[in-house]
Amino acid sequence: MEKVLKEALLYDFYGELLTLHQKEIYEDFVLNDLSLGEIAEQRSISRQGVYDIVRRCRRQLQGYEDRLHMVDRFVKIRKNIEEIDSLTASLEESSSSETASGQIRRIRELADLILQEV
């Protein structure tokens, strides 16, 4: 998984467990793509201080994931749902039965709903 995407997912799942100060700095660095220098200047702290906070946040977020595995489960579920959607699309194209076609359409609708929620 791409590093930035993984960091964003970790933050989405576990970010509320960080302090407000940690969240603000981590968001600026990872999500808003600000440099260490820009963040340090805005907050009147050293670049090393910003780096230490970002590193600590990464370790904390990864630690939560190592114990809870919520991001891994989310990614696996999403992948499986996308596969269901793909398989039903190919079945729908090749199916001649009206009933099977209606059922497949319903499965695709459900998969789309789940994908939107996940």
PDB file of N, CA and C in Angstrom:
ATOM      1  N   MET A   1       0.848  -1.169   0.000  1.00  0.00           N
ATOM      2  CA  MET A   1       0.000   0.000   0.000  1.00  0.00           C
ATOM      3  C   MET A   1       0.901   1.243   0.000  1.00  0.00           C
ATOM      4  N   GLU A   2       0.489   2.216  -0.758  1.00  0.00           N
ATOM      5  CA  GLU A   2       1.252   3.462  -0.832  1.00  0.00           C
ATOM      6  C   GLU A   2       1.372   4.084   0.566  1.00  0.00           C
ATOM      7  N   LYS A   3       2.569   4.609   0.867  1.00  0.00           N
ATOM      8  CA  LYS A   3       2.858   5.114   2.214  1.00  0.00           C
ATOM      9  C   LYS A   3       1.895   6.221   2.638  1.00  0.00           C
ATOM     10  N   VAL A   4       1.635   7.175   1.760  1.00  0.00           N
ATOM     11  CA  VAL A   4       0.756   8.298   2.107  1.00  0.00           C
ATOM     12  C   VAL A   4      -0.662   7.802   2.366  1.00  0.00           C
ATOM     13  N   LEU A   5      -1.145   6.872   1.529  1.00  0.00           N
ATOM     14  CA  LEU A   5      -2.482   6.311   1.725  1.00  0.00           C
ATOM     15  C   LEU A   5      -2.561   5.569   3.055  1.00  0.00           C
ATOM     16  N   LYS A   6      -1.532   4.787   3.359  1.00  0.00           N
ATOM     17  CA  LYS A   6      -1.534   4.052   4.618  1.00  0.00           C
ATOM     18  C   LYS A   6      -1.542   5.010   5.808  1.00  0.00           C
ATOM     19  N   GLU A   7      -0.728   6.075   5.735  1.00  0.00           N
ATOM     20  CA  GLU A   7      -0.708   7.046   6.831  1.00  0.00           C
ATOM     21  C   GLU A   7      -2.058   7.736   6.977  1.00  0.00           C
ATOM     22  N   ALA A   8      -2.698   8.038   5.863  1.00  0.00           N
ATOM     23  CA  ALA A   8      -4.016   8.675   5.914  1.00  0.00           C
ATOM     24  C   ALA A   8      -5.046   7.738   6.533  1.00  0.00           C
ATOM     25  N   LEU A   9      -5.000   6.457   6.156  1.00  0.00           N
ATOM     26  CA  LEU A   9      -5.937   5.488   6.731  1.00  0.00           C
ATOM     27  C   LEU A   9      -5.680   5.299   8.222  1.00  0.00           C
ATOM     28  N   LEU A  10      -4.422   5.188   8.598  1.00  0.00           N
ATOM     29  CA  LEU A  10      -4.104   5.061  10.024  1.00  0.00           C
ATOM     30  C   LEU A  10      -4.647   6.262  10.796  1.00  0.00           C
ATOM     31  N   TYR A  11      -4.485   7.450  10.224  1.00  0.00           N
ATOM     32  CA  TYR A  11      -4.987   8.653  10.881  1.00  0.00           C
ATOM     33  C   TYR A  11      -6.513   8.649  10.939  1.00  0.00           C
ATOM     34  N   ASP A  12      -7.157   8.221   9.860  1.00  0.00           N
ATOM     35  CA  ASP A  12      -8.621   8.165   9.852  1.00  0.00           C
ATOM     36  C   ASP A  12      -9.149   7.242  10.948  1.00  0.00           C
ATOM     37  N   PHE A  13      -8.496   6.115  11.129  1.00  0.00           N
ATOM     38  CA  PHE A  13      -8.977   5.146  12.111  1.00  0.00           C
ATOM     39  C   PHE A  13      -8.568   5.488  13.543  1.00  0.00           C
ATOM     40  N   TYR A  14      -7.367   5.977  13.733  1.00  0.00           N
ATOM     41  CA  TYR A  14      -6.835   6.138  15.088  1.00  0.00           C
ATOM     42  C   TYR A  14      -6.465   7.574  15.459  1.00  0.00           C
ATOM     43  N   GLY A  15      -6.654   8.515  14.574  1.00  0.00           N
ATOM     44  CA  GLY A  15      -6.232   9.888  14.815  1.00  0.00           C
ATOM     45  C   GLY A  15      -6.836  10.521  16.055  1.00  0.00           C
ATOM     46  N   GLU A  16      -8.040  10.146  16.388  1.00  0.00           N
ATOM     47  CA  GLU A  16      -8.689  10.741  17.569  1.00  0.00           C
ATOM     48  C   GLU A  16      -8.010  10.335  18.867  1.00  0.00           C
ATOM     49  N   LEU A  17      -7.119   9.351  18.797  1.00  0.00           N
ATOM     50  CA  LEU A  17      -6.393   8.919  19.992  1.00  0.00           C
ATOM     51  C   LEU A  17      -5.137   9.762  20.239  1.00  0.00           C
ATOM     52  N   LEU A  18      -4.802  10.629  19.308  1.00  0.00           N
ATOM     53  CA  LEU A  18      -3.676  11.545  19.473  1.00  0.00           C
ATOM     54  C   LEU A  18      -4.140  12.791  20.222  1.00  0.00           C
ATOM     55  N   THR A  19      -3.186  13.505  20.796  1.00  0.00           N
ATOM     56  CA  THR A  19      -3.543  14.772  21.436  1.00  0.00           C
ATOM     57  C   THR A  19      -3.880  15.795  20.348  1.00  0.00           C
ATOM     58  N   LEU A  20      -4.522  16.876  20.729  1.00  0.00           N
ATOM     59  CA  LEU A  20      -4.870  17.924  19.770  1.00  0.00           C
ATOM     60  C   LEU A  20      -3.619  18.477  19.096  1.00  0.00           C
ATOM     61  N   HIS A  21      -2.584  18.729  19.867  1.00  0.00           N
ATOM     62  CA  HIS A  21      -1.325  19.258  19.329  1.00  0.00           C
ATOM     63  C   HIS A  21      -0.718  18.266  18.314  1.00  0.00           C
ATOM     64  N   GLN A  22      -0.691  16.989  18.669  1.00  0.00           N
ATOM     65  CA  GLN A  22      -0.168  15.966  17.755  1.00  0.00           C
ATOM     66  C   GLN A  22      -0.994  15.907  16.478  1.00  0.00           C
ATOM     67  N   LYS A  23      -2.317  15.927  16.628  1.00  0.00           N
ATOM     68  CA  LYS A  23      -3.199  15.854  15.450  1.00  0.00           C
ATOM     69  C   LYS A  23      -2.943  17.012  14.500  1.00  0.00           C
ATOM     70  N   GLU A  24      -2.835  18.210  15.032  1.00  0.00           N
ATOM     71  CA  GLU A  24      -2.637  19.382  14.184  1.00  0.00           C
ATOM     72  C   GLU A  24      -1.332  19.287  13.400  1.00  0.00           C
ATOM     73  N   ILE A  25      -0.267  18.901  14.070  1.00  0.00           N
ATOM     74  CA  ILE A  25       1.034  18.809  13.399  1.00  0.00           C
ATOM     75  C   ILE A  25       1.038  17.655  12.396  1.00  0.00           C
ATOM     76  N   TYR A  26       0.500  16.528  12.785  1.00  0.00           N
ATOM     77  CA  TYR A  26       0.461  15.365  11.885  1.00  0.00           C
ATOM     78  C   TYR A  26      -0.383  15.671  10.645  1.00  0.00           C
ATOM     79  N   GLU A  27      -1.516  16.308  10.834  1.00  0.00           N
ATOM     80  CA  GLU A  27      -2.366  16.694   9.702  1.00  0.00           C
ATOM     81  C   GLU A  27      -1.625  17.631   8.766  1.00  0.00           C
ATOM     82  N   ASP A  28      -0.954  18.627   9.333  1.00  0.00           N
ATOM     83  CA  ASP A  28      -0.209  19.566   8.494  1.00  0.00           C
ATOM     84  C   ASP A  28       0.859  18.850   7.675  1.00  0.00           C
ATOM     85  N   PHE A  29       1.570  17.936   8.303  1.00  0.00           N
ATOM     86  CA  PHE A  29       2.672  17.270   7.623  1.00  0.00           C
ATOM     87  C   PHE A  29       2.190  16.217   6.618  1.00  0.00           C
ATOM     88  N   VAL A  30       1.283  15.344   7.041  1.00  0.00           N
ATOM     89  CA  VAL A  30       0.875  14.221   6.188  1.00  0.00           C
ATOM     90  C   VAL A  30      -0.265  14.598   5.249  1.00  0.00           C
ATOM     91  N   LEU A  31      -1.303  15.198   5.771  1.00  0.00           N
ATOM     92  CA  LEU A  31      -2.500  15.448   4.968  1.00  0.00           C
ATOM     93  C   LEU A  31      -2.416  16.761   4.186  1.00  0.00           C
ATOM     94  N   ASN A  32      -1.829  17.794   4.792  1.00  0.00           N
ATOM     95  CA  ASN A  32      -1.741  19.098   4.121  1.00  0.00           C
ATOM     96  C   ASN A  32      -0.421  19.291   3.382  1.00  0.00           C
ATOM     97  N   ASP A  33       0.466  18.314   3.511  1.00  0.00           N
ATOM     98  CA  ASP A  33       1.735  18.277   2.772  1.00  0.00           C
ATOM     99  C   ASP A  33       2.609  19.507   3.019  1.00  0.00           C
ATOM    100  N   LEU A  34       2.607  19.987   4.258  1.00  0.00           N
ATOM    101  CA  LEU A  34       3.511  21.083   4.616  1.00  0.00           C
ATOM    102  C   LEU A  34       4.868  20.505   5.013  1.00  0.00           C
ATOM    103  N   SER A  35       5.915  21.250   4.806  1.00  0.00           N
ATOM    104  CA  SER A  35       7.253  20.787   5.178  1.00  0.00           C
ATOM    105  C   SER A  35       7.468  20.953   6.679  1.00  0.00           C
ATOM    106  N   LEU A  36       8.501  20.281   7.184  1.00  0.00           N
ATOM    107  CA  LEU A  36       8.844  20.431   8.600  1.00  0.00           C
ATOM    108  C   LEU A  36       9.139  21.890   8.923  1.00  0.00           C
ATOM    109  N   GLY A  37       9.855  22.548   8.014  1.00  0.00           N
ATOM    110  CA  GLY A  37      10.194  23.957   8.217  1.00  0.00           C
ATOM    111  C   GLY A  37       8.981  24.859   8.261  1.00  0.00           C
ATOM    112  N   GLU A  38       8.020  24.627   7.367  1.00  0.00           N
ATOM    113  CA  GLU A  38       6.799  25.445   7.349  1.00  0.00           C
ATOM    114  C   GLU A  38       6.011  25.282   8.642  1.00  0.00           C
ATOM    115  N   ILE A  39       5.895  24.032   9.084  1.00  0.00           N
ATOM    116  CA  ILE A  39       5.143  23.769  10.318  1.00  0.00           C
ATOM    117  C   ILE A  39       5.874  24.399  11.508  1.00  0.00           C
ATOM    118  N   ALA A  40       7.201  24.237  11.544  1.00  0.00           N
ATOM    119  CA  ALA A  40       7.992  24.799  12.646  1.00  0.00           C
ATOM    120  C   ALA A  40       7.837  26.306  12.707  1.00  0.00           C
ATOM    121  N   GLU A  41       7.869  26.936  11.554  1.00  0.00           N
ATOM    122  CA  GLU A  41       7.734  28.395  11.514  1.00  0.00           C
ATOM    123  C   GLU A  41       6.346  28.832  11.989  1.00  0.00           C
ATOM    124  N   GLN A  42       5.304  28.147  11.530  1.00  0.00           N
ATOM    125  CA  GLN A  42       3.934  28.500  11.925  1.00  0.00           C
ATOM    126  C   GLN A  42       3.704  28.332  13.419  1.00  0.00           C
ATOM    127  N   ARG A  43       4.338  27.332  14.007  1.00  0.00           N
ATOM    128  CA  ARG A  43       4.074  26.997  15.411  1.00  0.00           C
ATOM    129  C   ARG A  43       5.167  27.483  16.363  1.00  0.00           C
ATOM    130  N   SER A  44       6.159  28.138  15.812  1.00  0.00           N
ATOM    131  CA  SER A  44       7.275  28.662  16.615  1.00  0.00           C
ATOM    132  C   SER A  44       7.968  27.566  17.425  1.00  0.00           C
ATOM    133  N   ILE A  45       8.231  26.439  16.762  1.00  0.00           N
ATOM    134  CA  ILE A  45       9.012  25.367  17.369  1.00  0.00           C
ATOM    135  C   ILE A  45      10.088  24.959  16.362  1.00  0.00           C
ATOM    136  N   SER A  46      11.027  24.150  16.799  1.00  0.00           N
ATOM    137  CA  SER A  46      12.121  23.754  15.911  1.00  0.00           C
ATOM    138  C   SER A  46      11.657  22.689  14.912  1.00  0.00           C
ATOM    139  N   ARG A  47      12.401  22.601  13.807  1.00  0.00           N
ATOM    140  CA  ARG A  47      12.129  21.550  12.818  1.00  0.00           C
ATOM    141  C   ARG A  47      12.271  20.178  13.471  1.00  0.00           C
ATOM    142  N   GLN A  48      13.288  20.045  14.341  1.00  0.00           N
ATOM    143  CA  GLN A  48      13.508  18.775  15.041  1.00  0.00           C
ATOM    144  C   GLN A  48      12.316  18.440  15.927  1.00  0.00           C
ATOM    145  N   GLY A  49      11.738  19.460  16.563  1.00  0.00           N
ATOM    146  CA  GLY A  49      10.550  19.239  17.391  1.00  0.00           C
ATOM    147  C   GLY A  49       9.383  18.725  16.568  1.00  0.00           C
ATOM    148  N   VAL A  50       9.185  19.310  15.389  1.00  0.00           N
ATOM    149  CA  VAL A  50       8.115  18.863  14.492  1.00  0.00           C
ATOM    150  C   VAL A  50       8.383  17.426  14.054  1.00  0.00           C
ATOM    151  N   TYR A  51       9.634  17.168  13.655  1.00  0.00           N
ATOM    152  CA  TYR A  51      10.001  15.824  13.206  1.00  0.00           C
ATOM    153  C   TYR A  51       9.744  14.796  14.304  1.00  0.00           C
ATOM    154  N   ASP A  52      10.129  15.112  15.534  1.00  0.00           N
ATOM    155  CA  ASP A  52       9.926  14.191  16.663  1.00  0.00           C
ATOM    156  C   ASP A  52       8.450  13.907  16.886  1.00  0.00           C
ATOM    157  N   ILE A  53       7.612  14.935  16.783  1.00  0.00           N
ATOM    158  CA  ILE A  53       6.170  14.743  16.981  1.00  0.00           C
ATOM    159  C   ILE A  53       5.595  13.871  15.866  1.00  0.00           C
ATOM    160  N   VAL A  54       5.967  14.133  14.619  1.00  0.00           N
ATOM    161  CA  VAL A  54       5.469  13.328  13.494  1.00  0.00           C
ATOM    162  C   VAL A  54       5.910  11.883  13.658  1.00  0.00           C
ATOM    163  N   ARG A  55       7.172  11.672  14.019  1.00  0.00           N
ATOM    164  CA  ARG A  55       7.695  10.316  14.203  1.00  0.00           C
ATOM    165  C   ARG A  55       6.954   9.606  15.341  1.00  0.00           C
ATOM    166  N   ARG A  56       6.724  10.306  16.430  1.00  0.00           N
ATOM    167  CA  ARG A  56       5.996   9.732  17.569  1.00  0.00           C
ATOM    168  C   ARG A  56       4.560   9.377  17.170  1.00  0.00           C
ATOM    169  N   CYS A  57       3.921  10.249  16.406  1.00  0.00           N
ATOM    170  CA  CYS A  57       2.557   9.982  15.936  1.00  0.00           C
ATOM    171  C   CYS A  57       2.523   8.734  15.053  1.00  0.00           C
ATOM    172  N   ARG A  58       3.475   8.652  14.134  1.00  0.00           N
ATOM    173  CA  ARG A  58       3.536   7.473  13.247  1.00  0.00           C
ATOM    174  C   ARG A  58       3.676   6.197  14.068  1.00  0.00           C
ATOM    175  N   ARG A  59       4.551   6.235  15.063  1.00  0.00           N
ATOM    176  CA  ARG A  59       4.746   5.052  15.912  1.00  0.00           C
ATOM    177  C   ARG A  59       3.478   4.711  16.687  1.00  0.00           C
ATOM    178  N   GLN A  60       2.821   5.729  17.230  1.00  0.00           N
ATOM    179  CA  GLN A  60       1.591   5.492  17.982  1.00  0.00           C
ATOM    180  C   GLN A  60       0.509   4.899  17.081  1.00  0.00           C
ATOM    181  N   LEU A  61       0.293   5.515  15.928  1.00  0.00           N
ATOM    182  CA  LEU A  61      -0.747   5.044  15.018  1.00  0.00           C
ATOM    183  C   LEU A  61      -0.458   3.622  14.556  1.00  0.00           C
ATOM    184  N   GLN A  62       0.797   3.333  14.211  1.00  0.00           N
ATOM    185  CA  GLN A  62       1.155   1.979  13.796  1.00  0.00           C
ATOM    186  C   GLN A  62       1.005   1.003  14.953  1.00  0.00           C
ATOM    187  N   GLY A  63       1.299   1.443  16.156  1.00  0.00           N
ATOM    188  CA  GLY A  63       1.120   0.595  17.337  1.00  0.00           C
ATOM    189  C   GLY A  63      -0.338   0.210  17.545  1.00  0.00           C
ATOM    190  N   TYR A  64      -1.232   1.173  17.363  1.00  0.00           N
ATOM    191  CA  TYR A  64      -2.664   0.858  17.461  1.00  0.00           C
ATOM    192  C   TYR A  64      -3.049  -0.150  16.389  1.00  0.00           C
ATOM    193  N   GLU A  65      -2.546   0.051  15.178  1.00  0.00           N
ATOM    194  CA  GLU A  65      -2.866  -0.870  14.081  1.00  0.00           C
ATOM    195  C   GLU A  65      -2.297  -2.262  14.357  1.00  0.00           C
ATOM    196  N   ASP A  66      -1.105  -2.340  14.904  1.00  0.00           N
ATOM    197  CA  ASP A  66      -0.500  -3.642  15.212  1.00  0.00           C
ATOM    198  C   ASP A  66      -1.340  -4.421  16.216  1.00  0.00           C
ATOM    199  N   ARG A  67      -2.009  -3.703  17.105  1.00  0.00           N
ATOM    200  CA  ARG A  67      -2.845  -4.368  18.107  1.00  0.00           C
ATOM    201  C   ARG A  67      -4.275  -4.619  17.625  1.00  0.00           C
ATOM    202  N   LEU A  68      -4.837  -3.700  16.850  1.00  0.00           N
ATOM    203  CA  LEU A  68      -6.256  -3.771  16.504  1.00  0.00           C
ATOM    204  C   LEU A  68      -6.542  -4.241  15.074  1.00  0.00           C
ATOM    205  N   HIS A  69      -5.638  -4.014  14.152  1.00  0.00           N
ATOM    206  CA  HIS A  69      -5.756  -4.460  12.744  1.00  0.00           C
ATOM    207  C   HIS A  69      -6.989  -3.925  12.021  1.00  0.00           C
ATOM    208  N   MET A  70      -7.470  -2.758  12.397  1.00  0.00           N
ATOM    209  CA  MET A  70      -8.669  -2.208  11.756  1.00  0.00           C
ATOM    210  C   MET A  70      -8.415  -1.786  10.311  1.00  0.00           C
ATOM    211  N   VAL A  71      -7.278  -1.202  10.027  1.00  0.00           N
ATOM    212  CA  VAL A  71      -6.974  -0.769   8.662  1.00  0.00           C
ATOM    213  C   VAL A  71      -6.817  -1.984   7.760  1.00  0.00           C
ATOM    214  N   ASP A  72      -6.105  -3.002   8.232  1.00  0.00           N
ATOM    215  CA  ASP A  72      -5.940  -4.223   7.435  1.00  0.00           C
ATOM    216  C   ASP A  72      -7.292  -4.852   7.103  1.00  0.00           C
ATOM    217  N   ARG A  73      -8.161  -4.922   8.091  1.00  0.00           N
ATOM    218  CA  ARG A  73      -9.497  -5.483   7.849  1.00  0.00           C
ATOM    219  C   ARG A  73     -10.284  -4.639   6.859  1.00  0.00           C
ATOM    220  N   PHE A  74     -10.198  -3.341   7.009  1.00  0.00           N
ATOM    221  CA  PHE A  74     -10.896  -2.430   6.102  1.00  0.00           C
ATOM    222  C   PHE A  74     -10.426  -2.647   4.664  1.00  0.00           C
ATOM    223  N   VAL A  75      -9.115  -2.724   4.467  1.00  0.00           N
ATOM    224  CA  VAL A  75      -8.558  -2.896   3.125  1.00  0.00           C
ATOM    225  C   VAL A  75      -8.993  -4.235   2.537  1.00  0.00           C
ATOM    226  N   LYS A  76      -8.968  -5.291   3.337  1.00  0.00           N
ATOM    227  CA  LYS A  76      -9.385  -6.619   2.851  1.00  0.00           C
ATOM    228  C   LYS A  76     -10.867  -6.638   2.486  1.00  0.00           C
ATOM    229  N   ILE A  77     -11.701  -6.048   3.326  1.00  0.00           N
ATOM    230  CA  ILE A  77     -13.144  -6.003   3.054  1.00  0.00           C
ATOM    231  C   ILE A  77     -13.408  -5.228   1.771  1.00  0.00           C
ATOM    232  N   ARG A  78     -12.749  -4.097   1.638  1.00  0.00           N
ATOM    233  CA  ARG A  78     -12.934  -3.280   0.430  1.00  0.00           C
ATOM    234  C   ARG A  78     -12.512  -4.047  -0.819  1.00  0.00           C
ATOM    235  N   LYS A  79     -11.405  -4.743  -0.748  1.00  0.00           N
ATOM    236  CA  LYS A  79     -10.920  -5.535  -1.883  1.00  0.00           C
ATOM    237  C   LYS A  79     -11.924  -6.633  -2.247  1.00  0.00           C
ATOM    238  N   ASN A  80     -12.454  -7.315  -1.245  1.00  0.00           N
ATOM    239  CA  ASN A  80     -13.430  -8.377  -1.495  1.00  0.00           C
ATOM    240  C   ASN A  80     -14.716  -7.829  -2.108  1.00  0.00           C
ATOM    241  N   ILE A  81     -15.164  -6.700  -1.621  1.00  0.00           N
ATOM    242  CA  ILE A  81     -16.381  -6.091  -2.166  1.00  0.00           C
ATOM    243  C   ILE A  81     -16.153  -5.662  -3.613  1.00  0.00           C
ATOM    244  N   GLU A  82     -14.980  -5.109  -3.890  1.00  0.00           N
ATOM    245  CA  GLU A  82     -14.678  -4.732  -5.274  1.00  0.00           C
ATOM    246  C   GLU A  82     -14.661  -5.962  -6.180  1.00  0.00           C
ATOM    247  N   GLU A  83     -14.164  -7.089  -5.652  1.00  0.00           N
ATOM    248  CA  GLU A  83     -14.168  -8.322  -6.447  1.00  0.00           C
ATOM    249  C   GLU A  83     -15.592  -8.817  -6.687  1.00  0.00           C
ATOM    250  N   ILE A  84     -16.441  -8.748  -5.674  1.00  0.00           N
ATOM    251  CA  ILE A  84     -17.856  -9.124  -5.842  1.00  0.00           C
ATOM    252  C   ILE A  84     -18.484  -8.267  -6.924  1.00  0.00           C
ATOM    253  N   ASP A  85     -18.225  -6.982  -6.863  1.00  0.00           N
ATOM    254  CA  ASP A  85     -18.779  -6.059  -7.848  1.00  0.00           C
ATOM    255  C   ASP A  85     -18.301  -6.410  -9.252  1.00  0.00           C
ATOM    256  N   SER A  86     -17.035  -6.708  -9.384  1.00  0.00           N
ATOM    257  CA  SER A  86     -16.471  -7.059 -10.684  1.00  0.00           C
ATOM    258  C   SER A  86     -17.046  -8.372 -11.212  1.00  0.00           C
ATOM    259  N   LEU A  87     -17.145  -9.373 -10.353  1.00  0.00           N
ATOM    260  CA  LEU A  87     -17.682 -10.677 -10.773  1.00  0.00           C
ATOM    261  C   LEU A  87     -19.145 -10.570 -11.184  1.00  0.00           C
ATOM    262  N   THR A  88     -19.925  -9.838 -10.420  1.00  0.00           N
ATOM    263  CA  THR A  88     -21.339  -9.701 -10.778  1.00  0.00           C
ATOM    264  C   THR A  88     -21.510  -8.916 -12.066  1.00  0.00           C
ATOM    265  N   ALA A  89     -20.624  -7.969 -12.315  1.00  0.00           N
ATOM    266  CA  ALA A  89     -20.692  -7.220 -13.573  1.00  0.00           C
ATOM    267  C   ALA A  89     -20.445  -8.146 -14.757  1.00  0.00           C
ATOM    268  N   SER A  90     -19.474  -9.033 -14.636  1.00  0.00           N
ATOM    269  CA  SER A  90     -19.204  -9.951 -15.745  1.00  0.00           C
ATOM    270  C   SER A  90     -20.309 -10.994 -15.883  1.00  0.00           C
ATOM    271  N   LEU A  91     -20.901 -11.419 -14.765  1.00  0.00           N
ATOM    272  CA  LEU A  91     -22.028 -12.355 -14.832  1.00  0.00           C
ATOM    273  C   LEU A  91     -23.242 -11.709 -15.490  1.00  0.00           C
ATOM    274  N   GLU A  92     -23.481 -10.469 -15.150  1.00  0.00           N
ATOM    275  CA  GLU A  92     -24.611  -9.733 -15.698  1.00  0.00           C
ATOM    276  C   GLU A  92     -24.503  -9.623 -17.212  1.00  0.00           C
ATOM    277  N   GLU A  93     -23.308  -9.419 -17.707  1.00  0.00           N
ATOM    278  CA  GLU A  93     -23.098  -9.297 -19.149  1.00  0.00           C
ATOM    279  C   GLU A  93     -23.328 -10.611 -19.872  1.00  0.00           C
ATOM    280  N   SER A  94     -22.998 -11.732 -19.217  1.00  0.00           N
ATOM    281  CA  SER A  94     -23.095 -13.026 -19.891  1.00  0.00           C
ATOM    282  C   SER A  94     -24.384 -13.779 -19.582  1.00  0.00           C
ATOM    283  N   SER A  95     -25.173 -13.340 -18.624  1.00  0.00           N
ATOM    284  CA  SER A  95     -26.388 -14.055 -18.214  1.00  0.00           C
ATOM    285  C   SER A  95     -27.556 -13.724 -19.130  1.00  0.00           C
ATOM    286  N   SER A  96     -28.313 -14.778 -19.476  1.00  0.00           N
ATOM    287  CA  SER A  96     -29.485 -14.563 -20.333  1.00  0.00           C
ATOM    288  C   SER A  96     -30.791 -14.634 -19.542  1.00  0.00           C
ATOM    289  N   SER A  97     -30.777 -15.222 -18.378  1.00  0.00           N
ATOM    290  CA  SER A  97     -31.983 -15.369 -17.570  1.00  0.00           C
ATOM    291  C   SER A  97     -32.362 -14.026 -16.946  1.00  0.00           C
ATOM    292  N   GLU A  98     -33.646 -13.660 -17.077  1.00  0.00           N
ATOM    293  CA  GLU A  98     -34.146 -12.399 -16.526  1.00  0.00           C
ATOM    294  C   GLU A  98     -34.056 -12.392 -14.997  1.00  0.00           C
ATOM    295  N   THR A  99     -34.368 -13.525 -14.353  1.00  0.00           N
ATOM    296  CA  THR A  99     -34.312 -13.609 -12.896  1.00  0.00           C
ATOM    297  C   THR A  99     -32.882 -13.469 -12.399  1.00  0.00           C
ATOM    298  N   ALA A 100     -31.956 -14.201 -13.021  1.00  0.00           N
ATOM    299  CA  ALA A 100     -30.551 -14.125 -12.621  1.00  0.00           C
ATOM    300  C   ALA A 100     -30.034 -12.706 -12.808  1.00  0.00           C
ATOM    301  N   SER A 101     -30.457 -12.087 -13.887  1.00  0.00           N
ATOM    302  CA  SER A 101     -30.018 -10.727 -14.166  1.00  0.00           C
ATOM    303  C   SER A 101     -30.516  -9.767 -13.082  1.00  0.00           C
ATOM    304  N   GLY A 102     -31.745  -9.928 -12.630  1.00  0.00           N
ATOM    305  CA  GLY A 102     -32.293  -9.089 -11.559  1.00  0.00           C
ATOM    306  C   GLY A 102     -31.577  -9.308 -10.247  1.00  0.00           C
ATOM    307  N   GLN A 103     -31.257 -10.557  -9.953  1.00  0.00           N
ATOM    308  CA  GLN A 103     -30.534 -10.856  -8.718  1.00  0.00           C
ATOM    309  C   GLN A 103     -29.125 -10.276  -8.755  1.00  0.00           C
ATOM    310  N   ILE A 104     -28.503 -10.405  -9.884  1.00  0.00           N
ATOM    311  CA  ILE A 104     -27.157  -9.870 -10.022  1.00  0.00           C
ATOM    312  C   ILE A 104     -27.180  -8.358  -9.887  1.00  0.00           C
ATOM    313  N   ARG A 105     -28.180  -7.720 -10.454  1.00  0.00           N
ATOM    314  CA  ARG A 105     -28.311  -6.265 -10.319  1.00  0.00           C
ATOM    315  C   ARG A 105     -28.436  -5.876  -8.851  1.00  0.00           C
ATOM    316  N   ARG A 106     -29.227  -6.644  -8.112  1.00  0.00           N
ATOM    317  CA  ARG A 106     -29.403  -6.347  -6.685  1.00  0.00           C
ATOM    318  C   ARG A 106     -28.085  -6.529  -5.924  1.00  0.00           C
ATOM    319  N   ILE A 107     -27.330  -7.567  -6.245  1.00  0.00           N
ATOM    320  CA  ILE A 107     -26.041  -7.791  -5.606  1.00  0.00           C
ATOM    321  C   ILE A 107     -25.109  -6.616  -5.886  1.00  0.00           C
ATOM    322  N   ARG A 108     -25.107  -6.148  -7.124  1.00  0.00           N
ATOM    323  CA  ARG A 108     -24.263  -5.011  -7.482  1.00  0.00           C
ATOM    324  C   ARG A 108     -24.694  -3.755  -6.731  1.00  0.00           C
ATOM    325  N   GLU A 109     -26.009  -3.551  -6.571  1.00  0.00           N
ATOM    326  CA  GLU A 109     -26.494  -2.396  -5.818  1.00  0.00           C
ATOM    327  C   GLU A 109     -26.005  -2.444  -4.377  1.00  0.00           C
ATOM    328  N   LEU A 110     -26.102  -3.646  -3.772  1.00  0.00           N
ATOM    329  CA  LEU A 110     -25.640  -3.799  -2.394  1.00  0.00           C
ATOM    330  C   LEU A 110     -24.144  -3.564  -2.281  1.00  0.00           C
ATOM    331  N   ALA A 111     -23.398  -4.114  -3.227  1.00  0.00           N
ATOM    332  CA  ALA A 111     -21.942  -3.931  -3.196  1.00  0.00           C
ATOM    333  C   ALA A 111     -21.605  -2.446  -3.327  1.00  0.00           C
ATOM    334  N   ASP A 112     -22.308  -1.740  -4.192  1.00  0.00           N
ATOM    335  CA  ASP A 112     -22.083  -0.300  -4.346  1.00  0.00           C
ATOM    336  C   ASP A 112     -22.396   0.460  -3.064  1.00  0.00           C
ATOM    337  N   LEU A 113     -23.477   0.088  -2.391  1.00  0.00           N
ATOM    338  CA  LEU A 113     -23.822   0.733  -1.127  1.00  0.00           C
ATOM    339  C   LEU A 113     -22.750   0.512  -0.077  1.00  0.00           C
ATOM    340  N   ILE A 114     -22.270  -0.719   0.008  1.00  0.00           N
ATOM    341  CA  ILE A 114     -21.227  -1.041   0.989  1.00  0.00           C
ATOM    342  C   ILE A 114     -19.951  -0.292   0.658  1.00  0.00           C
ATOM    343  N   LEU A 115     -19.593  -0.242  -0.606  1.00  0.00           N
ATOM    344  CA  LEU A 115     -18.385   0.474  -1.007  1.00  0.00           C
ATOM    345  C   LEU A 115     -18.466   1.956  -0.660  1.00  0.00           C
ATOM    346  N   GLN A 116     -19.635   2.540  -0.802  1.00  0.00           N
ATOM    347  CA  GLN A 116     -19.797   3.947  -0.471  1.00  0.00           C
ATOM    348  C   GLN A 116     -19.628   4.185   1.029  1.00  0.00           C
ATOM    349  N   GLU A 117     -20.065   3.222   1.844  1.00  0.00           N
ATOM    350  CA  GLU A 117     -19.959   3.353   3.294  1.00  0.00           C
ATOM    351  C   GLU A 117     -18.561   3.080   3.790  1.00  0.00           C
ATOM    352  N   VAL A 118     -17.853   2.194   3.116  1.00  0.00           N
ATOM    353  CA  VAL A 118     -16.503   1.820   3.541  1.00  0.00           C
ATOM    354  C   VAL A 118     -15.574   2.779   2.953  1.00  0.00           C
TER     355      VAL A 118
END
